[in-house]
Amino acid sequence: MTRFATSEQFAAAGQANIDTMLSLAKAALGHTDRLTALSLNTARNVMEQGVASTQALLSAKDAQELASLQSTLAQPMVDQFVSYASSVYEIALEAQSEIAGLFEAKLAEVNEAVAGALDEAAKAAPAGSETAFAAARSAVAAANSMYEGVSQAARQAAEIAEANAAAAAKAKPARGKKVA
């Protein structure tokens, strides 16, 4: 009976790992698809803007018109770059968040399984081994606490980076305005 339960548990764990890997692959491919589409659209837009800019520059009648066109034509390219960078950042942030969620869910499953295994082993262990199991539980709790601290620091760093990116995106239009 124990062998059947162990084989069944092993198969369930294997299936859960396959499901997790498929979820990670699906998330990665989905975000890669979005990045690819964004890059292709941006490349197409930059090429079109480049052609239009080149035509406008070639049609300039004198040096003053050429200088005026250069400053006017540069701003759309800068705006395109800022928009592209902001979109890439957004996609990367979503991917990181989705993958972190999958990782945290899997970690919770592993922690539950370890706690269950420790409880089962403690029931079958000889008298006097409680200290060893208490130490093992303490080590698991310490590892979880350390992970939570690192995870919290990473979330805070991501929030700061996101706030900085949002502030930079809001400040961008002010730089593009000309003072009369």
N, C-alpha and C. Protein backbone atom coordinates (compact mmCIF):
# COMPACT_ATOMS: atom_id res chain seq x y z
N MET A 1 0.83 -1.19 0.00
CA MET A 1 0.00 0.00 0.00
C MET A 1 0.87 1.25 0.00
N THR A 2 1.95 1.22 0.77
CA THR A 2 2.84 2.37 0.81
C THR A 2 3.48 2.60 -0.55
N ARG A 3 3.84 1.50 -1.22
CA ARG A 3 4.47 1.63 -2.53
C ARG A 3 3.50 2.28 -3.52
N PHE A 4 2.21 1.89 -3.52
CA PHE A 4 1.22 2.48 -4.42
C PHE A 4 1.06 3.97 -4.13
N ALA A 5 0.97 4.33 -2.85
CA ALA A 5 0.81 5.74 -2.49
C ALA A 5 2.03 6.54 -2.93
N THR A 6 3.20 5.96 -2.77
CA THR A 6 4.43 6.65 -3.16
C THR A 6 4.49 6.80 -4.67
N SER A 7 4.15 5.77 -5.42
CA SER A 7 4.14 5.85 -6.89
C SER A 7 3.12 6.88 -7.36
N GLU A 8 1.95 6.88 -6.71
CA GLU A 8 0.91 7.84 -7.06
C GLU A 8 1.38 9.27 -6.75
N GLN A 9 2.02 9.45 -5.61
CA GLN A 9 2.54 10.77 -5.24
C GLN A 9 3.63 11.20 -6.21
N PHE A 10 4.48 10.25 -6.59
CA PHE A 10 5.56 10.56 -7.53
C PHE A 10 4.99 11.00 -8.88
N ALA A 11 3.98 10.29 -9.36
CA ALA A 11 3.35 10.64 -10.64
C ALA A 11 2.67 12.00 -10.55
N ALA A 12 2.00 12.27 -9.43
CA ALA A 12 1.32 13.56 -9.25
C ALA A 12 2.35 14.70 -9.21
N ALA A 13 3.45 14.46 -8.53
CA ALA A 13 4.50 15.49 -8.47
C ALA A 13 5.10 15.74 -9.85
N GLY A 14 5.31 14.67 -10.59
CA GLY A 14 5.83 14.81 -11.95
C GLY A 14 4.87 15.59 -12.84
N GLN A 15 3.58 15.29 -12.74
CA GLN A 15 2.58 16.00 -13.54
C GLN A 15 2.51 17.47 -13.12
N ALA A 16 2.61 17.74 -11.83
CA ALA A 16 2.59 19.12 -11.35
C ALA A 16 3.80 19.89 -11.88
N ASN A 17 4.95 19.23 -11.93
CA ASN A 17 6.15 19.88 -12.47
C ASN A 17 6.00 20.15 -13.97
N ILE A 18 5.42 19.22 -14.68
CA ILE A 18 5.19 19.42 -16.12
C ILE A 18 4.23 20.59 -16.33
N ASP A 19 3.16 20.63 -15.51
CA ASP A 19 2.20 21.73 -15.62
C ASP A 19 2.87 23.08 -15.33
N THR A 20 3.74 23.11 -14.35
CA THR A 20 4.45 24.35 -14.02
C THR A 20 5.36 24.77 -15.17
N MET A 21 6.09 23.81 -15.73
CA MET A 21 6.98 24.13 -16.85
C MET A 21 6.18 24.62 -18.06
N LEU A 22 5.03 24.00 -18.33
CA LEU A 22 4.19 24.45 -19.43
C LEU A 22 3.66 25.86 -19.18
N SER A 23 3.30 26.16 -17.94
CA SER A 23 2.84 27.51 -17.61
C SER A 23 3.96 28.52 -17.81
N LEU A 24 5.17 28.16 -17.39
CA LEU A 24 6.32 29.06 -17.58
C LEU A 24 6.61 29.27 -19.06
N ALA A 25 6.56 28.18 -19.84
CA ALA A 25 6.81 28.29 -21.27
C ALA A 25 5.74 29.14 -21.95
N LYS A 26 4.49 28.93 -21.56
CA LYS A 26 3.39 29.72 -22.14
C LYS A 26 3.57 31.20 -21.81
N ALA A 27 3.93 31.50 -20.58
CA ALA A 27 4.15 32.90 -20.19
C ALA A 27 5.31 33.51 -20.97
N ALA A 28 6.40 32.77 -21.05
CA ALA A 28 7.57 33.28 -21.77
C ALA A 28 7.26 33.50 -23.25
N LEU A 29 6.59 32.56 -23.87
CA LEU A 29 6.26 32.71 -25.29
C LEU A 29 5.26 33.84 -25.53
N GLY A 30 4.31 34.00 -24.63
CA GLY A 30 3.34 35.08 -24.76
C GLY A 30 4.01 36.45 -24.70
N HIS A 31 4.91 36.60 -23.76
CA HIS A 31 5.60 37.89 -23.61
C HIS A 31 6.61 38.10 -24.74
N THR A 32 7.24 37.02 -25.19
CA THR A 32 8.16 37.12 -26.33
C THR A 32 7.40 37.52 -27.58
N ASP A 33 6.21 36.98 -27.75
CA ASP A 33 5.37 37.33 -28.89
C ASP A 33 5.03 38.82 -28.86
N ARG A 34 4.66 39.32 -27.69
CA ARG A 34 4.35 40.75 -27.57
C ARG A 34 5.57 41.62 -27.86
N LEU A 35 6.74 41.22 -27.35
CA LEU A 35 7.96 41.98 -27.62
C LEU A 35 8.31 41.97 -29.10
N THR A 36 8.14 40.83 -29.74
CA THR A 36 8.43 40.72 -31.18
C THR A 36 7.51 41.63 -31.98
N ALA A 37 6.22 41.58 -31.67
CA ALA A 37 5.25 42.44 -32.38
C ALA A 37 5.57 43.91 -32.15
N LEU A 38 5.89 44.26 -30.93
CA LEU A 38 6.24 45.65 -30.62
C LEU A 38 7.48 46.07 -31.40
N SER A 39 8.49 45.23 -31.42
CA SER A 39 9.73 45.56 -32.14
C SER A 39 9.49 45.70 -33.63
N LEU A 40 8.71 44.80 -34.21
CA LEU A 40 8.42 44.88 -35.65
C LEU A 40 7.62 46.14 -35.98
N ASN A 41 6.62 46.45 -35.18
CA ASN A 41 5.83 47.66 -35.41
C ASN A 41 6.69 48.92 -35.25
N THR A 42 7.54 48.91 -34.24
CA THR A 42 8.42 50.07 -34.03
C THR A 42 9.40 50.21 -35.19
N ALA A 43 9.97 49.10 -35.64
CA ALA A 43 10.91 49.16 -36.77
C ALA A 43 10.21 49.68 -38.03
N ARG A 44 9.00 49.22 -38.26
CA ARG A 44 8.23 49.69 -39.41
C ARG A 44 7.97 51.21 -39.30
N ASN A 45 7.55 51.65 -38.12
CA ASN A 45 7.27 53.08 -37.92
C ASN A 45 8.53 53.92 -38.06
N VAL A 46 9.64 53.44 -37.51
CA VAL A 46 10.90 54.19 -37.61
C VAL A 46 11.34 54.28 -39.07
N MET A 47 11.18 53.19 -39.80
CA MET A 47 11.56 53.20 -41.22
C MET A 47 10.68 54.19 -41.99
N GLU A 48 9.38 54.15 -41.73
CA GLU A 48 8.47 55.07 -42.42
C GLU A 48 8.79 56.53 -42.06
N GLN A 49 9.05 56.77 -40.77
CA GLN A 49 9.41 58.12 -40.35
C GLN A 49 10.74 58.55 -40.97
N GLY A 50 11.67 57.62 -41.07
CA GLY A 50 12.97 57.92 -41.67
C GLY A 50 12.84 58.29 -43.14
N VAL A 51 12.03 57.55 -43.86
CA VAL A 51 11.81 57.85 -45.28
C VAL A 51 11.15 59.22 -45.43
N ALA A 52 10.11 59.47 -44.63
CA ALA A 52 9.42 60.76 -44.69
C ALA A 52 10.37 61.90 -44.31
N SER A 53 11.18 61.68 -43.30
CA SER A 53 12.14 62.71 -42.88
C SER A 53 13.17 62.97 -43.97
N THR A 54 13.67 61.91 -44.58
CA THR A 54 14.66 62.06 -45.64
C THR A 54 14.06 62.83 -46.82
N GLN A 55 12.83 62.51 -47.18
CA GLN A 55 12.17 63.23 -48.27
C GLN A 55 11.99 64.70 -47.92
N ALA A 56 11.60 64.97 -46.69
CA ALA A 56 11.42 66.36 -46.27
C ALA A 56 12.75 67.11 -46.29
N LEU A 57 13.81 66.45 -45.82
CA LEU A 57 15.13 67.10 -45.81
C LEU A 57 15.63 67.36 -47.23
N LEU A 58 15.39 66.40 -48.11
CA LEU A 58 15.84 66.57 -49.50
C LEU A 58 15.06 67.67 -50.23
N SER A 59 13.86 67.96 -49.76
CA SER A 59 13.06 68.99 -50.42
C SER A 59 13.33 70.39 -49.85
N ALA A 60 14.21 70.49 -48.87
CA ALA A 60 14.52 71.80 -48.28
C ALA A 60 15.16 72.71 -49.33
N LYS A 61 14.73 73.96 -49.32
CA LYS A 61 15.19 74.93 -50.32
C LYS A 61 16.48 75.62 -49.93
N ASP A 62 16.70 75.81 -48.62
CA ASP A 62 17.92 76.50 -48.18
C ASP A 62 18.38 75.95 -46.83
N ALA A 63 19.50 76.45 -46.35
CA ALA A 63 20.10 75.94 -45.12
C ALA A 63 19.23 76.22 -43.90
N GLN A 64 18.55 77.34 -43.87
CA GLN A 64 17.71 77.67 -42.73
C GLN A 64 16.51 76.71 -42.65
N GLU A 65 15.91 76.40 -43.78
CA GLU A 65 14.80 75.44 -43.81
C GLU A 65 15.29 74.05 -43.40
N LEU A 66 16.49 73.71 -43.84
CA LEU A 66 17.09 72.41 -43.48
C LEU A 66 17.30 72.33 -41.97
N ALA A 67 17.84 73.38 -41.37
CA ALA A 67 18.06 73.39 -39.92
C ALA A 67 16.74 73.31 -39.16
N SER A 68 15.74 74.02 -39.65
CA SER A 68 14.43 74.01 -39.01
C SER A 68 13.81 72.61 -39.09
N LEU A 69 13.93 71.99 -40.25
CA LEU A 69 13.39 70.64 -40.43
C LEU A 69 14.08 69.62 -39.52
N GLN A 70 15.39 69.74 -39.38
CA GLN A 70 16.14 68.79 -38.55
C GLN A 70 15.63 68.79 -37.12
N SER A 71 15.42 69.96 -36.55
CA SER A 71 14.95 69.99 -35.16
C SER A 71 13.50 69.51 -35.05
N THR A 72 12.70 69.81 -36.07
CA THR A 72 11.30 69.38 -36.06
C THR A 72 11.18 67.88 -36.27
N LEU A 73 12.00 67.32 -37.13
CA LEU A 73 11.90 65.90 -37.46
C LEU A 73 12.51 64.99 -36.38
N ALA A 74 13.38 65.53 -35.56
CA ALA A 74 14.02 64.70 -34.54
C ALA A 74 13.05 64.32 -33.42
N GLN A 75 12.13 65.21 -33.07
CA GLN A 75 11.24 64.96 -31.94
C GLN A 75 10.38 63.71 -32.10
N PRO A 76 9.78 63.44 -33.27
CA PRO A 76 9.00 62.20 -33.40
C PRO A 76 9.83 60.94 -33.17
N MET A 77 11.09 60.97 -33.57
CA MET A 77 11.96 59.81 -33.34
C MET A 77 12.23 59.63 -31.85
N VAL A 78 12.46 60.73 -31.15
CA VAL A 78 12.68 60.66 -29.70
C VAL A 78 11.42 60.13 -29.02
N ASP A 79 10.27 60.65 -29.43
CA ASP A 79 9.00 60.18 -28.85
C ASP A 79 8.79 58.69 -29.12
N GLN A 80 9.14 58.26 -30.33
CA GLN A 80 9.01 56.84 -30.70
C GLN A 80 9.90 55.98 -29.81
N PHE A 81 11.13 56.43 -29.57
CA PHE A 81 12.05 55.69 -28.72
C PHE A 81 11.53 55.61 -27.29
N VAL A 82 11.04 56.73 -26.75
CA VAL A 82 10.53 56.74 -25.38
C VAL A 82 9.32 55.82 -25.26
N SER A 83 8.45 55.85 -26.24
CA SER A 83 7.28 54.98 -26.24
C SER A 83 7.70 53.51 -26.31
N TYR A 84 8.66 53.20 -27.17
CA TYR A 84 9.15 51.83 -27.30
C TYR A 84 9.77 51.34 -25.98
N ALA A 85 10.63 52.17 -25.39
CA ALA A 85 11.28 51.79 -24.14
C ALA A 85 10.25 51.58 -23.03
N SER A 86 9.25 52.43 -22.98
CA SER A 86 8.20 52.30 -21.98
C SER A 86 7.41 51.01 -22.18
N SER A 87 7.11 50.68 -23.42
CA SER A 87 6.36 49.45 -23.71
C SER A 87 7.18 48.21 -23.39
N VAL A 88 8.46 48.23 -23.72
CA VAL A 88 9.34 47.09 -23.40
C VAL A 88 9.39 46.90 -21.89
N TYR A 89 9.53 48.00 -21.16
CA TYR A 89 9.58 47.93 -19.70
C TYR A 89 8.28 47.34 -19.15
N GLU A 90 7.15 47.78 -19.68
CA GLU A 90 5.85 47.29 -19.23
C GLU A 90 5.72 45.78 -19.48
N ILE A 91 6.11 45.33 -20.66
CA ILE A 91 6.03 43.90 -20.98
C ILE A 91 6.96 43.10 -20.07
N ALA A 92 8.16 43.60 -19.85
CA ALA A 92 9.11 42.90 -18.98
C ALA A 92 8.60 42.84 -17.55
N LEU A 93 7.98 43.91 -17.09
CA LEU A 93 7.44 43.93 -15.73
C LEU A 93 6.29 42.93 -15.59
N GLU A 94 5.43 42.85 -16.60
CA GLU A 94 4.34 41.88 -16.58
C GLU A 94 4.88 40.45 -16.60
N ALA A 95 5.90 40.22 -17.41
CA ALA A 95 6.49 38.87 -17.48
C ALA A 95 7.10 38.49 -16.14
N GLN A 96 7.84 39.42 -15.55
CA GLN A 96 8.47 39.16 -14.25
C GLN A 96 7.42 38.86 -13.20
N SER A 97 6.35 39.62 -13.21
CA SER A 97 5.29 39.43 -12.23
C SER A 97 4.61 38.07 -12.41
N GLU A 98 4.34 37.71 -13.66
CA GLU A 98 3.69 36.43 -13.92
C GLU A 98 4.59 35.26 -13.53
N ILE A 99 5.84 35.33 -13.88
CA ILE A 99 6.78 34.25 -13.56
C ILE A 99 7.01 34.17 -12.06
N ALA A 100 7.11 35.32 -11.40
CA ALA A 100 7.27 35.32 -9.94
C ALA A 100 6.05 34.70 -9.27
N GLY A 101 4.86 34.98 -9.79
CA GLY A 101 3.65 34.37 -9.23
C GLY A 101 3.66 32.86 -9.36
N LEU A 102 4.08 32.38 -10.54
CA LEU A 102 4.18 30.93 -10.73
C LEU A 102 5.21 30.32 -9.79
N PHE A 103 6.34 31.00 -9.65
CA PHE A 103 7.40 30.51 -8.77
C PHE A 103 6.92 30.47 -7.32
N GLU A 104 6.24 31.53 -6.88
CA GLU A 104 5.76 31.58 -5.50
C GLU A 104 4.72 30.50 -5.24
N ALA A 105 3.85 30.26 -6.21
CA ALA A 105 2.85 29.20 -6.05
C ALA A 105 3.53 27.83 -5.93
N LYS A 106 4.53 27.61 -6.76
CA LYS A 106 5.26 26.33 -6.70
C LYS A 106 6.02 26.20 -5.38
N LEU A 107 6.60 27.30 -4.92
CA LEU A 107 7.32 27.28 -3.65
C LEU A 107 6.37 26.96 -2.50
N ALA A 108 5.17 27.50 -2.54
CA ALA A 108 4.18 27.20 -1.50
C ALA A 108 3.83 25.71 -1.51
N GLU A 109 3.70 25.14 -2.71
CA GLU A 109 3.42 23.70 -2.81
C GLU A 109 4.57 22.88 -2.22
N VAL A 110 5.79 23.27 -2.56
CA VAL A 110 6.96 22.55 -2.05
C VAL A 110 7.03 22.66 -0.53
N ASN A 111 6.78 23.86 0.00
CA ASN A 111 6.81 24.04 1.45
C ASN A 111 5.76 23.18 2.14
N GLU A 112 4.59 23.10 1.54
CA GLU A 112 3.52 22.26 2.10
C GLU A 112 3.93 20.79 2.06
N ALA A 113 4.54 20.37 0.97
CA ALA A 113 4.98 18.98 0.85
C ALA A 113 6.09 18.66 1.85
N VAL A 114 7.01 19.59 2.02
CA VAL A 114 8.11 19.37 2.98
C VAL A 114 7.55 19.29 4.40
N ALA A 115 6.62 20.20 4.72
CA ALA A 115 6.03 20.18 6.06
C ALA A 115 5.28 18.87 6.28
N GLY A 116 4.54 18.41 5.27
CA GLY A 116 3.84 17.13 5.38
C GLY A 116 4.79 15.97 5.54
N ALA A 117 5.87 15.97 4.77
CA ALA A 117 6.86 14.89 4.87
C ALA A 117 7.53 14.89 6.24
N LEU A 118 7.84 16.08 6.77
CA LEU A 118 8.44 16.15 8.11
C LEU A 118 7.46 15.63 9.16
N ASP A 119 6.19 15.98 9.02
CA ASP A 119 5.19 15.48 9.99
C ASP A 119 5.07 13.97 9.93
N GLU A 120 5.03 13.41 8.72
CA GLU A 120 4.92 11.96 8.57
C GLU A 120 6.17 11.27 9.11
N ALA A 121 7.33 11.84 8.80
CA ALA A 121 8.57 11.24 9.29
C ALA A 121 8.65 11.33 10.81
N ALA A 122 8.18 12.43 11.38
CA ALA A 122 8.21 12.59 12.84
C ALA A 122 7.33 11.56 13.53
N LYS A 123 6.21 11.23 12.90
CA LYS A 123 5.30 10.21 13.48
C LYS A 123 5.96 8.83 13.52
N ALA A 124 6.76 8.56 12.49
CA ALA A 124 7.39 7.24 12.40
C ALA A 124 8.76 7.19 13.07
N ALA A 125 9.27 8.32 13.50
CA ALA A 125 10.62 8.38 14.06
C ALA A 125 10.63 7.85 15.49
N PRO A 126 11.80 7.37 15.90
CA PRO A 126 11.91 6.87 17.28
C PRO A 126 11.85 8.02 18.29
N ALA A 127 11.53 7.66 19.52
CA ALA A 127 11.45 8.66 20.58
C ALA A 127 12.80 9.34 20.74
N GLY A 128 12.77 10.63 21.04
CA GLY A 128 14.00 11.38 21.23
C GLY A 128 14.49 12.10 19.98
N SER A 129 13.83 11.88 18.86
CA SER A 129 14.26 12.54 17.62
C SER A 129 13.51 13.85 17.37
N GLU A 130 12.73 14.27 18.35
CA GLU A 130 11.95 15.50 18.19
C GLU A 130 12.84 16.71 17.94
N THR A 131 14.01 16.72 18.55
CA THR A 131 14.93 17.85 18.39
C THR A 131 15.39 17.97 16.94
N ALA A 132 15.67 16.85 16.31
CA ALA A 132 16.11 16.87 14.91
C ALA A 132 15.00 17.40 14.01
N PHE A 133 13.76 16.99 14.29
CA PHE A 133 12.65 17.48 13.47
C PHE A 133 12.37 18.95 13.74
N ALA A 134 12.53 19.36 14.97
CA ALA A 134 12.35 20.78 15.30
C ALA A 134 13.42 21.61 14.57
N ALA A 135 14.64 21.10 14.51
CA ALA A 135 15.71 21.81 13.79
C ALA A 135 15.40 21.86 12.30
N ALA A 136 14.89 20.78 11.74
CA ALA A 136 14.54 20.76 10.31
C ALA A 136 13.42 21.77 10.03
N ARG A 137 12.41 21.78 10.89
CA ARG A 137 11.31 22.75 10.72
C ARG A 137 11.83 24.18 10.85
N SER A 138 12.73 24.38 11.77
CA SER A 138 13.32 25.71 11.96
C SER A 138 14.13 26.13 10.74
N ALA A 139 14.86 25.19 10.14
CA ALA A 139 15.64 25.50 8.94
C ALA A 139 14.72 25.86 7.77
N VAL A 140 13.61 25.13 7.64
CA VAL A 140 12.64 25.44 6.58
C VAL A 140 12.04 26.82 6.82
N ALA A 141 11.68 27.12 8.06
CA ALA A 141 11.10 28.43 8.38
C ALA A 141 12.11 29.54 8.11
N ALA A 142 13.38 29.31 8.44
CA ALA A 142 14.41 30.32 8.19
C ALA A 142 14.61 30.55 6.69
N ALA A 143 14.60 29.47 5.93
CA ALA A 143 14.74 29.60 4.47
C ALA A 143 13.55 30.35 3.89
N ASN A 144 12.35 30.05 4.37
CA ASN A 144 11.16 30.76 3.90
C ASN A 144 11.21 32.24 4.27
N SER A 145 11.67 32.51 5.46
CA SER A 145 11.79 33.90 5.92
C SER A 145 12.81 34.66 5.07
N MET A 146 13.93 34.01 4.77
CA MET A 146 14.96 34.63 3.94
C MET A 146 14.40 34.90 2.54
N TYR A 147 13.71 33.92 1.98
CA TYR A 147 13.12 34.10 0.66
C TYR A 147 12.13 35.26 0.67
N GLU A 148 11.30 35.33 1.70
CA GLU A 148 10.31 36.40 1.79
C GLU A 148 10.99 37.76 1.88
N GLY A 149 12.08 37.85 2.62
CA GLY A 149 12.83 39.11 2.72
C GLY A 149 13.41 39.53 1.38
N VAL A 150 14.01 38.59 0.68
CA VAL A 150 14.58 38.89 -0.64
C VAL A 150 13.46 39.24 -1.62
N SER A 151 12.38 38.52 -1.56
CA SER A 151 11.24 38.78 -2.44
C SER A 151 10.66 40.16 -2.18
N GLN A 152 10.53 40.53 -0.92
CA GLN A 152 10.02 41.85 -0.54
C GLN A 152 10.95 42.95 -1.06
N ALA A 153 12.25 42.75 -0.91
CA ALA A 153 13.22 43.74 -1.41
C ALA A 153 13.13 43.87 -2.93
N ALA A 154 12.96 42.76 -3.62
CA ALA A 154 12.83 42.79 -5.08
C ALA A 154 11.55 43.51 -5.50
N ARG A 155 10.46 43.27 -4.77
CA ARG A 155 9.20 43.97 -5.08
C ARG A 155 9.36 45.48 -4.86
N GLN A 156 10.02 45.86 -3.78
CA GLN A 156 10.23 47.28 -3.51
C GLN A 156 11.11 47.92 -4.58
N ALA A 157 12.15 47.22 -5.01
CA ALA A 157 13.02 47.74 -6.07
C ALA A 157 12.24 47.90 -7.37
N ALA A 158 11.38 46.93 -7.67
CA ALA A 158 10.55 47.01 -8.88
C ALA A 158 9.58 48.18 -8.79
N GLU A 159 9.00 48.39 -7.62
CA GLU A 159 8.08 49.52 -7.44
C GLU A 159 8.80 50.85 -7.61
N ILE A 160 10.01 50.96 -7.09
CA ILE A 160 10.80 52.19 -7.25
C ILE A 160 11.14 52.41 -8.71
N ALA A 161 11.57 51.35 -9.39
CA ALA A 161 11.90 51.47 -10.81
C ALA A 161 10.67 51.86 -11.62
N GLU A 162 9.53 51.28 -11.28
CA GLU A 162 8.29 51.60 -11.99
C GLU A 162 7.91 53.07 -11.75
N ALA A 163 8.05 53.53 -10.51
CA ALA A 163 7.74 54.93 -10.20
C ALA A 163 8.68 55.87 -10.95
N ASN A 164 9.96 55.51 -11.02
CA ASN A 164 10.92 56.33 -11.76
C ASN A 164 10.61 56.37 -13.25
N ALA A 165 10.22 55.22 -13.80
CA ALA A 165 9.87 55.16 -15.22
C ALA A 165 8.62 55.99 -15.50
N ALA A 166 7.65 55.91 -14.60
CA ALA A 166 6.42 56.70 -14.77
C ALA A 166 6.73 58.19 -14.68
N ALA A 167 7.59 58.57 -13.75
CA ALA A 167 7.97 59.98 -13.62
C ALA A 167 8.71 60.46 -14.85
N ALA A 168 9.59 59.62 -15.39
CA ALA A 168 10.33 60.00 -16.60
C ALA A 168 9.39 60.12 -17.79
N ALA A 169 8.40 59.25 -17.88
CA ALA A 169 7.44 59.32 -18.98
C ALA A 169 6.59 60.58 -18.88
N LYS A 170 6.23 60.98 -17.67
CA LYS A 170 5.45 62.21 -17.48
C LYS A 170 6.30 63.44 -17.75
N ALA A 171 7.58 63.39 -17.45
CA ALA A 171 8.46 64.54 -17.65
C ALA A 171 8.82 64.72 -19.12
N LYS A 172 8.73 63.68 -19.93
CA LYS A 172 9.12 63.74 -21.33
C LYS A 172 8.40 64.81 -22.13
N PRO A 173 7.06 64.97 -22.03
CA PRO A 173 6.42 66.00 -22.85
C PRO A 173 6.91 67.40 -22.53
N ALA A 174 7.26 67.67 -21.27
CA ALA A 174 7.74 69.00 -20.92
C ALA A 174 9.04 69.32 -21.63
N ARG A 175 9.89 68.31 -21.85
CA ARG A 175 11.15 68.54 -22.54
C ARG A 175 10.92 68.80 -24.01
N GLY A 176 9.87 68.24 -24.56
CA GLY A 176 9.60 68.38 -25.98
C GLY A 176 9.02 69.73 -26.36
N LYS A 177 8.50 70.49 -25.39
CA LYS A 177 7.88 71.78 -25.66
C LYS A 177 8.96 72.83 -25.89
N LYS A 178 8.69 73.71 -26.80
CA LYS A 178 9.62 74.79 -27.07
C LYS A 178 9.19 76.03 -26.30
N VAL A 179 10.16 76.75 -25.80
CA VAL A 179 9.89 77.99 -25.08
C VAL A 179 9.94 79.12 -26.09
N ALA A 180 8.91 79.98 -26.10
CA ALA A 180 8.84 81.07 -27.08
C ALA A 180 9.67 82.24 -26.66
